[in-house]
Protein backbone atom coordinates (compact mmCIF):
# COMPACT_ATOMS: atom_id res chain seq x y z
CA MET A 1 0.00 0.00 0.00
CA ILE A 2 1.10 3.59 -0.57
CA GLY A 3 3.21 5.42 1.93
CA ASP A 4 3.27 9.00 3.13
CA ASN A 5 5.39 10.05 0.15
CA LEU A 6 2.12 10.91 -1.61
CA GLY A 7 0.94 13.13 1.22
CA ARG A 8 -0.53 12.28 4.59
CA GLU A 9 -4.00 13.44 3.66
CA PHE A 10 -4.26 11.49 0.41
CA THR A 11 -2.75 8.45 2.11
CA LEU A 12 -5.40 8.69 4.83
CA LEU A 13 -8.13 8.80 2.18
CA ALA A 14 -6.77 5.66 0.52
CA ARG A 15 -6.55 3.85 3.85
CA CYS A 16 -10.12 4.86 4.69
CA CYS A 17 -11.31 3.46 1.37
CA HIS A 18 -9.35 0.26 2.00
CA TRP A 19 -10.91 -0.16 5.45
CA ASN A 20 -14.35 -0.08 3.83
CA PHE A 21 -13.60 -3.08 1.60
CA ALA A 22 -16.00 -5.91 2.41
CA THR A 23 -13.12 -8.33 3.03
CA VAL A 24 -11.03 -6.13 5.38
CA ASP A 25 -11.06 -6.72 9.13
CA GLU A 26 -13.05 -3.95 10.80
CA ARG A 27 -10.48 -3.86 13.61
CA SER A 28 -7.89 -2.47 11.19
CA ARG A 29 -9.54 0.95 11.20
CA PRO A 30 -7.06 3.70 10.16
CA ASP A 31 -5.90 5.88 13.02
CA VAL A 32 -5.92 9.68 12.95
CA HIS A 33 -3.27 11.99 14.34
CA GLU A 34 -2.62 15.66 14.93
CA ALA A 35 -0.43 16.15 11.86
CA ILE A 36 -3.41 15.76 9.54
CA ASP A 37 -4.77 18.87 7.82
CA TRP A 38 -8.49 18.14 8.11
CA ASN A 39 -9.54 20.98 5.85
CA LEU A 40 -7.43 19.37 3.15
CA VAL A 41 -8.89 15.92 3.95
CA VAL A 42 -12.40 17.26 3.44
CA ALA A 43 -11.43 19.02 0.21
CA LEU A 44 -9.69 15.90 -1.14
CA ALA A 45 -12.55 13.63 -0.09
CA ARG A 46 -14.98 15.83 -2.01
CA ARG A 47 -12.68 16.02 -5.02
CA HIS A 48 -12.44 12.22 -5.09
CA ARG A 49 -16.08 11.68 -4.00
CA VAL A 50 -15.24 9.40 -1.09
CA GLN A 51 -16.69 11.42 1.80
CA GLY A 52 -19.02 8.61 2.89
CA LEU A 53 -16.22 6.06 2.97
CA VAL A 54 -13.94 8.43 4.86
CA TRP A 55 -16.58 9.23 7.47
CA ASN A 56 -17.40 5.54 7.93
CA ALA A 57 -13.74 4.91 8.70
CA VAL A 58 -12.91 7.92 10.90
CA GLY A 59 -16.29 8.66 12.49
CA HIS A 60 -15.27 6.30 15.28
CA PHE A 61 -12.68 8.93 16.23
CA SER A 62 -15.00 11.90 15.71
CA ASP A 63 -14.01 13.48 19.02
CA ARG A 64 -10.47 13.90 17.63
CA LEU A 65 -11.64 15.75 14.52
CA PRO A 66 -12.08 19.52 14.25
CA VAL A 67 -15.76 20.45 14.44
CA GLU A 68 -15.86 21.81 10.87
CA ALA A 69 -14.39 18.63 9.39
CA ARG A 70 -16.59 16.40 11.52
CA ASN A 71 -19.72 18.26 10.47
CA ALA A 72 -18.74 18.36 6.80
CA LEU A 73 -17.92 14.65 6.52
CA SER A 74 -20.90 13.46 8.55
CA SER A 75 -23.39 15.63 6.65
CA ASP A 76 -21.90 14.55 3.30
CA ALA A 77 -22.18 10.90 4.36
CA ARG A 78 -25.84 11.32 5.29
CA LEU A 79 -26.60 13.00 1.97
CA ILE A 80 -24.81 10.22 0.07
CA ALA A 81 -26.86 7.55 1.86
CA VAL A 82 -30.13 9.41 1.20
CA THR A 83 -29.22 9.85 -2.47
CA ASN A 84 -28.37 6.17 -2.82
CA LEU A 85 -31.72 5.17 -1.31
CA ALA A 86 -33.47 7.35 -3.88
CA ILE A 87 -31.35 5.83 -6.65
CA ALA A 88 -32.16 2.30 -5.44
CA ALA A 89 -35.88 3.09 -5.52
CA GLU A 90 -35.61 4.52 -9.02
CA CYS A 91 -33.63 1.48 -10.19
CA ARG A 92 -36.50 -0.72 -9.06
CA GLU A 93 -38.98 1.34 -11.08
CA LEU A 94 -36.78 1.40 -14.17
CA GLN A 95 -36.20 -2.35 -13.99
CA GLN A 96 -39.95 -2.98 -13.90
CA LEU A 97 -40.64 -0.49 -16.69
CA PHE A 98 -38.02 -1.93 -19.03
CA ASP A 99 -39.05 -5.52 -18.22
CA GLN A 100 -42.70 -4.77 -18.96
CA SER A 101 -41.67 -3.29 -22.30
CA ASN A 102 -39.35 -6.20 -23.14
CA VAL A 103 -36.39 -3.84 -23.47
CA PRO A 104 -33.27 -5.56 -22.10
CA LEU A 105 -31.04 -3.60 -19.75
CA LEU A 106 -28.18 -3.99 -17.30
CA PHE A 107 -27.12 -1.71 -14.47
CA VAL A 108 -23.39 -0.93 -14.62
CA LYS A 109 -21.16 0.65 -11.97
CA GLY A 110 -23.05 2.45 -9.23
CA LEU A 111 -24.90 0.47 -6.60
CA THR A 112 -24.06 -2.93 -8.06
CA VAL A 113 -20.29 -2.38 -7.86
CA GLY A 114 -20.69 -0.79 -4.44
CA ALA A 115 -22.48 -3.88 -3.16
CA LEU A 116 -19.69 -6.09 -4.51
CA ALA A 117 -16.89 -3.96 -3.06
CA TYR A 118 -17.90 -2.48 0.30
CA ARG A 119 -19.28 -3.51 3.66
CA ALA A 120 -21.50 -0.40 3.71
CA PRO A 121 -22.29 0.13 0.01
CA MET A 122 -24.83 2.90 0.57
CA LEU A 123 -21.92 5.13 1.63
CA LYS A 124 -20.24 4.84 -1.77
CA MET A 125 -21.05 8.08 -3.54
CA ALA A 126 -23.21 7.89 -6.64
CA TRP A 127 -24.93 10.67 -8.51
CA ASP A 128 -26.48 8.82 -11.45
CA ILE A 129 -27.84 5.51 -12.72
CA ASP A 130 -25.89 3.86 -15.54
CA LEU A 131 -28.15 1.85 -17.82
CA LEU A 132 -26.84 -0.39 -20.60
CA THR A 133 -29.26 -1.25 -23.38
CA ASP A 134 -29.12 -2.55 -26.94
CA PRO A 135 -28.29 0.03 -29.64
CA ALA A 136 -31.31 -1.25 -31.54
CA ASP A 137 -33.46 -0.30 -28.53
CA LEU A 138 -32.15 3.25 -28.20
CA ALA A 139 -35.42 4.87 -29.27
CA SER A 140 -37.46 2.56 -27.02
CA ALA A 141 -35.19 3.21 -24.04
CA ALA A 142 -35.41 6.97 -24.63
CA ARG A 143 -39.18 6.76 -24.75
CA LEU A 144 -39.27 4.84 -21.46
CA LEU A 145 -37.08 7.45 -19.78
CA LEU A 146 -39.39 10.17 -21.06
CA ASP A 147 -42.33 8.22 -19.62
CA ARG A 148 -40.57 8.31 -16.22
CA GLY A 149 -40.31 12.08 -16.43
CA PHE A 150 -36.66 12.29 -17.51
CA SER A 151 -35.46 14.77 -20.12
CA VAL A 152 -32.26 14.59 -22.11
CA ARG A 153 -29.45 16.93 -21.04
CA GLU A 154 -26.62 15.75 -23.30
CA PRO A 155 -27.17 16.10 -26.21
CA SER A 156 -28.99 19.39 -25.91
CA ASP A 157 -31.87 18.20 -28.10
CA ILE A 158 -33.37 14.72 -28.32
CA LYS A 159 -33.45 14.97 -32.11
CA HIS A 160 -29.63 14.67 -31.97
CA LEU A 161 -29.71 11.51 -29.84
CA LYS A 162 -28.95 9.01 -32.59
CA ALA A 163 -26.12 11.10 -34.03
CA TRP A 164 -24.78 11.74 -30.52
CA HIS A 165 -24.52 8.02 -29.81
CA ARG A 166 -22.65 7.35 -33.02
CA MET A 167 -19.72 9.18 -31.40
CA ARG A 168 -20.31 8.79 -27.66
CA LYS A 169 -21.08 5.86 -25.44
CA ASP A 170 -23.65 7.59 -23.22
CA SER A 171 -26.25 10.32 -23.08
CA LEU A 172 -27.24 12.17 -19.91
CA TRP A 173 -30.82 12.42 -18.67
CA SER A 174 -32.28 14.10 -15.59
CA ARG A 175 -35.55 14.48 -13.73
CA HIS A 176 -36.08 17.77 -11.90
CA ASN A 177 -32.27 18.08 -11.61
CA GLU A 178 -32.47 15.55 -8.78
CA LEU A 179 -32.09 12.12 -10.38
CA TYR A 180 -29.74 11.46 -13.29
CA VAL A 181 -29.43 8.59 -15.75
CA GLU A 182 -26.60 7.84 -18.17
CA LEU A 183 -27.98 5.75 -21.01
CA HIS A 184 -25.39 3.49 -22.67
CA PRO A 185 -26.01 1.70 -25.98
CA ARG A 186 -22.35 0.61 -25.65
CA LEU A 187 -19.70 0.70 -22.93
CA ALA A 188 -16.68 2.25 -24.62
CA ASP A 189 -16.42 5.37 -26.76
CA ASN A 190 -14.01 3.59 -29.08
CA ALA A 191 -15.66 0.54 -30.63
CA ARG A 192 -12.28 -1.27 -30.74
CA LEU A 193 -12.27 -1.51 -26.94
CA ILE A 194 -14.32 -4.36 -25.36
CA PRO A 195 -16.35 -4.62 -28.61
CA THR A 196 -18.26 -7.77 -27.66
CA ILE A 197 -19.46 -6.68 -24.22
CA ASP A 198 -23.05 -5.53 -24.42
CA VAL A 199 -26.44 -5.90 -22.77
CA HIS A 200 -26.62 -9.52 -23.95
CA SER A 201 -23.32 -10.50 -22.32
CA PRO A 202 -23.24 -12.92 -19.38
CA ARG A 203 -24.74 -11.33 -16.28
CA GLN A 204 -25.05 -11.72 -12.55
CA GLN A 205 -27.62 -10.63 -9.99
CA VAL A 206 -26.33 -8.39 -7.20
CA GLU A 207 -28.29 -7.65 -4.05
CA ILE A 208 -28.02 -3.90 -3.48
CA ALA A 209 -30.54 -3.78 -0.61
CA PRO A 210 -32.69 -6.28 1.29
CA ALA A 211 -35.07 -7.94 -1.21
CA GLN A 212 -33.71 -5.89 -4.12
CA SER A 213 -31.29 -7.24 -6.70
CA LEU A 214 -30.13 -5.73 -9.97
CA SER A 215 -28.61 -7.34 -13.05
CA THR A 216 -25.09 -6.34 -13.98
CA LEU A 217 -22.24 -7.79 -16.02
CA ALA A 218 -20.78 -11.14 -15.00
CA GLN A 219 -17.34 -11.11 -13.39
CA GLU A 220 -15.09 -11.38 -16.44
CA GLU A 221 -17.02 -8.80 -18.43
CA LEU A 222 -17.31 -6.53 -15.39
CA PHE A 223 -13.54 -6.61 -14.84
CA ALA A 224 -12.81 -5.67 -18.45
CA TYR A 225 -15.43 -2.92 -18.44
CA LEU A 226 -14.30 -1.32 -15.18
CA THR A 227 -10.72 -1.12 -16.41
CA VAL A 228 -11.74 0.51 -19.69
CA HIS A 229 -14.08 2.90 -17.91
CA GLY A 230 -11.34 4.02 -15.52
CA ALA A 231 -8.81 4.36 -18.32
CA SER A 232 -11.20 6.58 -20.28
CA SER A 233 -10.62 9.27 -17.62
CA ALA A 234 -7.05 8.25 -16.67
CA TRP A 235 -8.44 7.19 -13.26
CA PHE A 236 -8.36 10.76 -11.96
CA ARG A 237 -10.76 9.98 -9.08
CA LEU A 238 -9.90 7.78 -6.11
CA LYS A 239 -13.48 6.50 -5.95
CA TRP A 240 -13.12 4.60 -9.22
CA ILE A 241 -9.94 2.71 -8.36
CA ALA A 242 -11.20 2.05 -4.81
CA ASP A 243 -14.37 0.46 -6.24
CA PHE A 244 -12.25 -1.69 -8.53
CA ALA A 245 -9.79 -2.75 -5.83
CA GLY A 246 -12.55 -3.31 -3.29
CA TRP A 247 -14.31 -5.71 -5.62
CA LEU A 248 -11.06 -7.53 -6.40
CA SER A 249 -10.15 -7.84 -2.71
CA SER A 250 -12.30 -10.97 -2.48
CA LYS A 251 -10.46 -12.64 -5.38
CA SER A 252 -7.53 -15.03 -5.16
CA GLY A 253 -4.34 -14.47 -7.12
CA ASP A 254 -5.35 -17.14 -9.63
CA GLU A 255 -8.75 -15.51 -10.08
CA ILE A 256 -7.22 -12.10 -10.71
CA GLN A 257 -4.82 -13.61 -13.22
CA GLN A 258 -7.70 -15.31 -15.02
CA LEU A 259 -9.72 -12.08 -15.05
CA TYR A 260 -6.77 -10.25 -16.57
CA HIS A 261 -6.18 -12.85 -19.29
CA ARG A 262 -9.86 -12.91 -20.16
CA SER A 263 -9.90 -9.10 -20.37
CA GLN A 264 -7.29 -9.33 -23.11
CA GLU A 265 -9.55 -11.66 -25.07
CA LEU A 266 -12.43 -9.22 -24.55
CA GLY A 267 -10.39 -6.31 -25.92
CA ALA A 268 -9.53 -4.28 -22.82
CA GLY A 269 -5.94 -3.84 -23.98
CA ARG A 270 -3.53 -2.02 -21.67
CA ALA A 271 -6.41 -0.58 -19.63
CA ALA A 272 -6.47 -3.79 -17.58
CA GLY A 273 -2.77 -3.68 -16.74
CA GLN A 274 -2.93 0.03 -15.96
CA ALA A 275 -5.80 -0.57 -13.52
CA LEU A 276 -4.10 -3.48 -11.79
CA LEU A 277 -0.78 -1.68 -11.31
CA LEU A 278 -2.57 1.40 -9.98
CA ALA A 279 -4.74 -0.67 -7.63
CA ASP A 280 -1.66 -2.50 -6.44
CA LYS A 281 0.17 0.77 -5.72
CA LEU A 282 -2.72 2.02 -3.61
CA PHE A 283 -4.19 -1.18 -2.17
CA ASP A 284 -1.74 -4.10 -2.68
CA THR A 285 -4.17 -5.70 -5.09
CA LEU A 286 -1.51 -7.90 -6.73
CA ALA A 287 0.05 -9.19 -3.52
CA ALA A 288 -1.51 -12.58 -4.21
CA ALA A 289 -0.51 -12.53 -7.90
CA PRO A 290 3.26 -11.74 -7.90
CA SER A 291 3.92 -13.26 -11.31
CA LEU A 292 1.22 -11.09 -12.90
CA LYS A 293 2.64 -8.06 -11.12
CA ARG A 294 6.10 -8.76 -12.52
CA SER A 295 4.72 -9.31 -15.99
CA LEU A 296 2.72 -6.09 -16.02
CA GLY A 297 5.55 -4.14 -14.43
CA SER A 298 7.94 -5.27 -17.12
CA ASP A 299 5.87 -3.58 -19.82
CA GLN A 300 7.09 0.00 -20.20
CA MET A 301 3.88 1.38 -21.69
CA THR A 302 1.66 -0.20 -19.04
CA ARG A 303 3.90 1.24 -16.32
CA LYS A 304 3.70 4.65 -17.97
CA LEU A 305 -0.10 4.54 -18.09
CA SER A 306 -0.24 3.59 -14.42
CA SER A 307 2.20 6.37 -13.45
CA VAL A 308 0.17 8.97 -15.32
CA ALA A 309 -2.99 7.79 -13.59
CA LEU A 310 -1.31 8.07 -10.18
CA ARG A 311 -0.26 11.64 -10.97
CA MET A 312 -3.80 12.46 -12.08
CA LEU A 313 -5.03 11.19 -8.72
CA THR A 314 -2.61 13.08 -6.55
CA LYS A 315 -1.28 16.24 -8.22
CA GLU A 316 -4.31 18.55 -8.13
CA LEU A 317 -6.95 19.52 -5.61
CA ARG A 318 -9.37 20.30 -8.45
CA ASP A 319 -10.74 17.92 -11.06
CA PRO A 320 -8.68 17.99 -14.27
CA THR A 321 -11.92 18.77 -16.13
CA ASP A 322 -12.00 22.10 -14.26
CA LEU A 323 -8.44 23.11 -15.18
CA PRO A 324 -7.10 24.70 -18.38
CA PHE A 325 -5.67 21.84 -20.47
CA GLY A 326 -6.35 19.57 -17.49
CA THR A 327 -7.70 16.77 -19.67
CA TRP A 328 -4.67 16.67 -21.96
CA ALA A 329 -3.22 13.61 -20.21
CA ILE A 330 -6.57 11.84 -20.50
CA HIS A 331 -6.66 12.33 -24.27
CA TRP A 332 -3.13 11.19 -25.03
CA THR A 333 -3.23 8.18 -22.69
CA GLN A 334 -6.37 7.00 -24.48
CA LEU A 335 -4.25 6.68 -27.62
CA LEU A 336 -1.98 4.17 -25.83
CA LEU A 337 -4.61 1.72 -24.62
CA LYS A 338 -3.90 -0.56 -27.58
CA PRO A 339 -0.58 -0.84 -29.44
CA ASP A 340 -1.80 -1.15 -33.04
CA LEU A 341 -1.82 1.80 -35.43
CA GLY A 342 -5.41 1.15 -36.46
CA PHE A 343 -6.59 1.76 -32.91
CA LYS A 344 -4.59 4.98 -32.60
CA VAL A 345 -6.01 6.35 -35.86
CA SER A 346 -9.55 5.42 -34.86
CA GLU A 347 -9.08 7.05 -31.46
CA MET A 348 -7.74 10.30 -32.93
CA TRP A 349 -10.70 10.36 -35.31
CA ARG A 350 -13.12 9.67 -32.46
CA GLN A 351 -11.71 12.46 -30.31
CA ALA A 352 -11.90 14.91 -33.19
CA ARG A 353 -15.51 13.96 -33.95
CA SER A 354 -16.51 14.29 -30.30
CA ILE A 355 -15.22 17.88 -30.29
CA PHE A 356 -16.96 18.96 -33.48
CA GLY A 357 -20.04 16.73 -33.35
CA PRO A 358 -23.54 17.59 -32.06
CA LYS A 359 -23.79 19.14 -28.61
């Protein structure tokens, strides 16, 4: 696991996330000490969207925290839990609506990954519902969302929806600016990444709350998808890699190795190695798979991708999307996710089209 060389406050955040993993002994709660800058902890937790996980870990020591930090983290945690309950209720309604209309769907990320990764999944921050459907059902899915009172936010006009999805993997919908849905006809912006993973892929049922289960991707497909999803943003948020590592914490070394090899067959490319090296740096994910760690570490490009992701996580207090040229590293690392020239050309073309396409 990381040491204090990355900063005491960021290290504390990572240890708090680790303590929340479903497989970690609750008695190993991270300690707090006077050298911590709690204003910075709160700011970093909000930047990385892990306030609920941090509060769950350090709330036990709340009497040692400054009042402002204690109030900020505890109130954020309550809001996260309330939001997740509302999302869970909406997921139930959407599942029934799509089932009744015979429109297949899967729930990806969000509450399903939280339930697989954490002992208290309702404290994992979520702000939207990610729905995967068939591209052929895009119009039907849009109509069902409209029936639930959602309106499209991106693109700016529903008449652009089909053209929008030719270039982008998801569209954004909202209801009263309170509940948000990302509708995915596919899971990667570039069709050369994980091209065979779709709504008809193998699935599993995940219990997100008592008497409520949702369908999501089966383990091998989920692993490949999560790595590609994280790589698409160069893993600039701790929440994403913590979700990934928390889910993997229940896997043996052989299982992780099998998941990695299968991800290569599914087309995840270097995204899988990047994710594993980053998760290992932060959470010792590859401790049980030393041969895989050596193999991935021996690949210069995979190491580079992992190092860039670590810098994206730790170098700024603000999201890179809020900084001038902050997303530059995201764009160029996307070009490296597969080694072949055809992929690089297609990715440059995709990025150009996304800039000049419909808004």
